[in-house]
Amino acid sequence: MGGKSYYCDYCCCFMKNDINVRKSHNAGISHCTAKATYMRHFEHPRIILDEERMKMPCKRYFDGFCKFQALCKFGHFNTKQLQQLEKIVRKLKKTRRSKRKKQTPKTKQNLPPSLQSMNLAKLKQSNFALSWG
């Protein structure tokens, strides 16, 4: 299988390159939390905000440490962090709206003839028998 050890990018650790070892590692809670934390960086702030608003505050996290981290069913954001996240979401929404407004309207004049809308009056006037081919 190429090499004696396997490196887990999420956990930053080496292990024996054996399918059973990898399966048991991938099923472990430390790997699952590391993977969830890593994937959380790529989620849209709006999704994170909606999820965190629905959760109750985590007592373990605010008392010191929560071993479940990203997999915890309770929220790990305090009110100040939630407000910052709301600001980020508002800014993203605002920039998305301004991008829509800045887009140039698509004119029918610049389209190739095959994509322009058909003018039926002009079509009736044309004589295909004389000018075809």
C-alpha atoms as a PDB file:
ATOM      1  CA  MET A   1       0.000   0.000   0.000  1.00  0.00           C
ATOM      2  CA  GLY A   2       2.982   2.314  -0.211  1.00  0.00           C
ATOM      3  CA  GLY A   3       4.832   3.192   2.962  1.00  0.00           C
ATOM      4  CA  LYS A   4       4.806   1.930   6.510  1.00  0.00           C
ATOM      5  CA  SER A   5       2.716   4.650   8.087  1.00  0.00           C
ATOM      6  CA  TYR A   6      -0.436   6.596   7.326  1.00  0.00           C
ATOM      7  CA  TYR A   7      -0.799  10.299   8.148  1.00  0.00           C
ATOM      8  CA  CYS A   8      -4.159  11.701   9.216  1.00  0.00           C
ATOM      9  CA  ASP A   9      -4.449  15.322   8.062  1.00  0.00           C
ATOM     10  CA  TYR A  10      -7.260  16.132  10.485  1.00  0.00           C
ATOM     11  CA  CYS A  11      -5.543  14.796  13.608  1.00  0.00           C
ATOM     12  CA  CYS A  12      -1.934  15.484  12.513  1.00  0.00           C
ATOM     13  CA  CYS A  13      -0.773  12.027  13.564  1.00  0.00           C
ATOM     14  CA  PHE A  14       0.907   8.981  12.020  1.00  0.00           C
ATOM     15  CA  MET A  15      -0.408   5.441  12.358  1.00  0.00           C
ATOM     16  CA  LYS A  16       0.165   1.998  10.916  1.00  0.00           C
ATOM     17  CA  ASN A  17      -0.937   1.755   7.292  1.00  0.00           C
ATOM     18  CA  ASP A  18      -3.525  -0.952   7.873  1.00  0.00           C
ATOM     19  CA  ILE A  19      -7.174  -0.721   6.862  1.00  0.00           C
ATOM     20  CA  ASN A  20      -8.435  -1.899  10.259  1.00  0.00           C
ATOM     21  CA  VAL A  21      -6.296   0.635  12.118  1.00  0.00           C
ATOM     22  CA  ARG A  22      -7.500   3.429   9.823  1.00  0.00           C
ATOM     23  CA  LYS A  23     -11.150   2.397  10.208  1.00  0.00           C
ATOM     24  CA  SER A  24     -10.919   2.342  13.991  1.00  0.00           C
ATOM     25  CA  HIS A  25      -9.100   5.702  13.976  1.00  0.00           C
ATOM     26  CA  ASN A  26     -11.694   7.284  11.664  1.00  0.00           C
ATOM     27  CA  ALA A  27     -14.507   6.033  13.915  1.00  0.00           C
ATOM     28  CA  GLY A  28     -12.890   7.540  17.034  1.00  0.00           C
ATOM     29  CA  ILE A  29     -14.264  10.649  18.714  1.00  0.00           C
ATOM     30  CA  SER A  30     -10.964  12.541  18.489  1.00  0.00           C
ATOM     31  CA  HIS A  31     -10.871  12.103  14.703  1.00  0.00           C
ATOM     32  CA  CYS A  32     -14.561  12.980  14.308  1.00  0.00           C
ATOM     33  CA  THR A  33     -14.204  16.183  16.341  1.00  0.00           C
ATOM     34  CA  ALA A  34     -11.020  17.175  14.488  1.00  0.00           C
ATOM     35  CA  LYS A  35     -12.726  16.579  11.136  1.00  0.00           C
ATOM     36  CA  ALA A  36     -15.865  18.495  12.169  1.00  0.00           C
ATOM     37  CA  THR A  37     -13.744  21.405  13.410  1.00  0.00           C
ATOM     38  CA  TYR A  38     -11.789  21.467  10.149  1.00  0.00           C
ATOM     39  CA  MET A  39     -14.916  21.320   7.975  1.00  0.00           C
ATOM     40  CA  ARG A  40     -16.564  24.045  10.059  1.00  0.00           C
ATOM     41  CA  HIS A  41     -14.019  26.539   8.669  1.00  0.00           C
ATOM     42  CA  PHE A  42     -15.541  26.133   5.203  1.00  0.00           C
ATOM     43  CA  GLU A  43     -19.203  26.518   6.180  1.00  0.00           C
ATOM     44  CA  HIS A  44     -21.038  29.707   5.314  1.00  0.00           C
ATOM     45  CA  PRO A  45     -21.301  32.100   8.291  1.00  0.00           C
ATOM     46  CA  ARG A  46     -25.100  32.236   7.848  1.00  0.00           C
ATOM     47  CA  ILE A  47     -25.386  28.476   8.446  1.00  0.00           C
ATOM     48  CA  ILE A  48     -23.152  28.670  11.521  1.00  0.00           C
ATOM     49  CA  LEU A  49     -25.168  31.591  12.902  1.00  0.00           C
ATOM     50  CA  ASP A  50     -28.486  29.776  12.421  1.00  0.00           C
ATOM     51  CA  GLU A  51     -27.156  26.627  14.111  1.00  0.00           C
ATOM     52  CA  GLU A  52     -25.654  28.504  17.055  1.00  0.00           C
ATOM     53  CA  ARG A  53     -28.821  30.523  17.664  1.00  0.00           C
ATOM     54  CA  MET A  54     -30.798  27.303  18.086  1.00  0.00           C
ATOM     55  CA  LYS A  55     -28.395  25.863  20.684  1.00  0.00           C
ATOM     56  CA  MET A  56     -28.360  26.438  24.417  1.00  0.00           C
ATOM     57  CA  PRO A  57     -25.007  27.597  25.902  1.00  0.00           C
ATOM     58  CA  CYS A  58     -22.608  24.790  26.805  1.00  0.00           C
ATOM     59  CA  LYS A  59     -21.871  24.777  30.544  1.00  0.00           C
ATOM     60  CA  ARG A  60     -18.734  22.667  30.130  1.00  0.00           C
ATOM     61  CA  TYR A  61     -17.276  25.005  27.500  1.00  0.00           C
ATOM     62  CA  PHE A  62     -17.878  28.171  29.514  1.00  0.00           C
ATOM     63  CA  ASP A  63     -16.592  26.495  32.712  1.00  0.00           C
ATOM     64  CA  GLY A  64     -13.339  25.550  31.008  1.00  0.00           C
ATOM     65  CA  PHE A  65     -13.259  22.799  28.385  1.00  0.00           C
ATOM     66  CA  CYS A  66     -15.775  20.774  26.389  1.00  0.00           C
ATOM     67  CA  LYS A  67     -14.422  17.482  25.085  1.00  0.00           C
ATOM     68  CA  PHE A  68     -17.024  17.336  22.295  1.00  0.00           C
ATOM     69  CA  GLN A  69     -15.881  20.626  20.671  1.00  0.00           C
ATOM     70  CA  ALA A  70     -17.565  20.941  17.226  1.00  0.00           C
ATOM     71  CA  LEU A  71     -19.783  17.882  17.818  1.00  0.00           C
ATOM     72  CA  CYS A  72     -21.314  19.309  20.994  1.00  0.00           C
ATOM     73  CA  LYS A  73     -25.080  19.710  20.883  1.00  0.00           C
ATOM     74  CA  PHE A  74     -24.774  22.910  22.935  1.00  0.00           C
ATOM     75  CA  GLY A  75     -23.477  26.275  21.731  1.00  0.00           C
ATOM     76  CA  HIS A  76     -19.890  27.437  22.181  1.00  0.00           C
ATOM     77  CA  PHE A  77     -20.451  31.078  21.157  1.00  0.00           C
ATOM     78  CA  ASN A  78     -21.006  33.829  23.714  1.00  0.00           C
ATOM     79  CA  THR A  79     -23.255  36.822  22.980  1.00  0.00           C
ATOM     80  CA  LYS A  80     -20.364  39.014  21.805  1.00  0.00           C
ATOM     81  CA  GLN A  81     -19.199  36.359  19.331  1.00  0.00           C
ATOM     82  CA  LEU A  82     -22.753  35.904  18.056  1.00  0.00           C
ATOM     83  CA  GLN A  83     -23.017  39.657  17.467  1.00  0.00           C
ATOM     84  CA  GLN A  84     -19.735  39.610  15.524  1.00  0.00           C
ATOM     85  CA  LEU A  85     -21.025  36.710  13.452  1.00  0.00           C
ATOM     86  CA  GLU A  86     -24.244  38.639  12.761  1.00  0.00           C
ATOM     87  CA  LYS A  87     -22.159  41.595  11.525  1.00  0.00           C
ATOM     88  CA  ILE A  88     -20.237  39.305   9.187  1.00  0.00           C
ATOM     89  CA  VAL A  89     -23.479  37.843   7.818  1.00  0.00           C
ATOM     90  CA  ARG A  90     -24.922  41.342   7.285  1.00  0.00           C
ATOM     91  CA  LYS A  91     -21.778  42.465   5.451  1.00  0.00           C
ATOM     92  CA  LEU A  92     -21.878  39.402   3.212  1.00  0.00           C
ATOM     93  CA  LYS A  93     -25.548  40.021   2.458  1.00  0.00           C
ATOM     94  CA  LYS A  94     -24.843  43.675   1.694  1.00  0.00           C
ATOM     95  CA  THR A  95     -21.958  42.880  -0.676  1.00  0.00           C
ATOM     96  CA  ARG A  96     -24.066  40.263  -2.437  1.00  0.00           C
ATOM     97  CA  ARG A  97     -26.821  42.840  -3.009  1.00  0.00           C
ATOM     98  CA  SER A  98     -24.358  45.446  -4.286  1.00  0.00           C
ATOM     99  CA  LYS A  99     -22.848  42.894  -6.684  1.00  0.00           C
ATOM    100  CA  ARG A 100     -26.300  42.232  -8.114  1.00  0.00           C
ATOM    101  CA  LYS A 101     -26.877  45.951  -8.652  1.00  0.00           C
ATOM    102  CA  LYS A 102     -23.480  46.473 -10.303  1.00  0.00           C
ATOM    103  CA  GLN A 103     -24.007  43.778 -12.914  1.00  0.00           C
ATOM    104  CA  THR A 104     -24.634  45.221 -16.341  1.00  0.00           C
ATOM    105  CA  PRO A 105     -28.042  44.428 -17.757  1.00  0.00           C
ATOM    106  CA  LYS A 106     -27.928  42.005 -20.640  1.00  0.00           C
ATOM    107  CA  THR A 107     -29.046  43.747 -23.800  1.00  0.00           C
ATOM    108  CA  LYS A 108     -30.620  41.951 -26.716  1.00  0.00           C
ATOM    109  CA  GLN A 109     -28.651  44.065 -29.172  1.00  0.00           C
ATOM    110  CA  ASN A 110     -25.348  42.325 -28.445  1.00  0.00           C
ATOM    111  CA  LEU A 111     -26.708  38.802 -28.883  1.00  0.00           C
ATOM    112  CA  PRO A 112     -25.853  36.722 -31.951  1.00  0.00           C
ATOM    113  CA  PRO A 113     -28.734  36.275 -34.436  1.00  0.00           C
ATOM    114  CA  SER A 114     -29.412  32.706 -33.302  1.00  0.00           C
ATOM    115  CA  LEU A 115     -30.169  33.914 -29.753  1.00  0.00           C
ATOM    116  CA  GLN A 116     -32.193  37.013 -30.615  1.00  0.00           C
ATOM    117  CA  SER A 117     -35.962  36.805 -30.298  1.00  0.00           C
ATOM    118  CA  MET A 118     -37.828  36.142 -33.522  1.00  0.00           C
ATOM    119  CA  ASN A 119     -39.756  38.922 -35.210  1.00  0.00           C
ATOM    120  CA  LEU A 120     -42.818  37.252 -36.759  1.00  0.00           C
ATOM    121  CA  ALA A 121     -43.680  40.235 -38.983  1.00  0.00           C
ATOM    122  CA  LYS A 122     -40.219  40.119 -40.515  1.00  0.00           C
ATOM    123  CA  LEU A 123     -40.507  36.353 -40.933  1.00  0.00           C
ATOM    124  CA  LYS A 124     -43.787  36.693 -42.916  1.00  0.00           C
ATOM    125  CA  GLN A 125     -42.205  39.220 -45.272  1.00  0.00           C
ATOM    126  CA  SER A 126     -39.244  37.018 -46.184  1.00  0.00           C
ATOM    127  CA  ASN A 127     -39.508  34.819 -49.256  1.00  0.00           C
ATOM    128  CA  PHE A 128     -37.623  31.597 -48.583  1.00  0.00           C
ATOM    129  CA  ALA A 129     -38.137  30.214 -52.099  1.00  0.00           C
ATOM    130  CA  LEU A 130     -36.102  33.013 -53.677  1.00  0.00           C
ATOM    131  CA  SER A 131     -33.372  33.585 -51.137  1.00  0.00           C
ATOM    132  CA  TRP A 132     -32.824  30.159 -49.646  1.00  0.00           C
ATOM    133  CA  GLY A 133     -29.402  28.532 -50.060  1.00  0.00           C
END
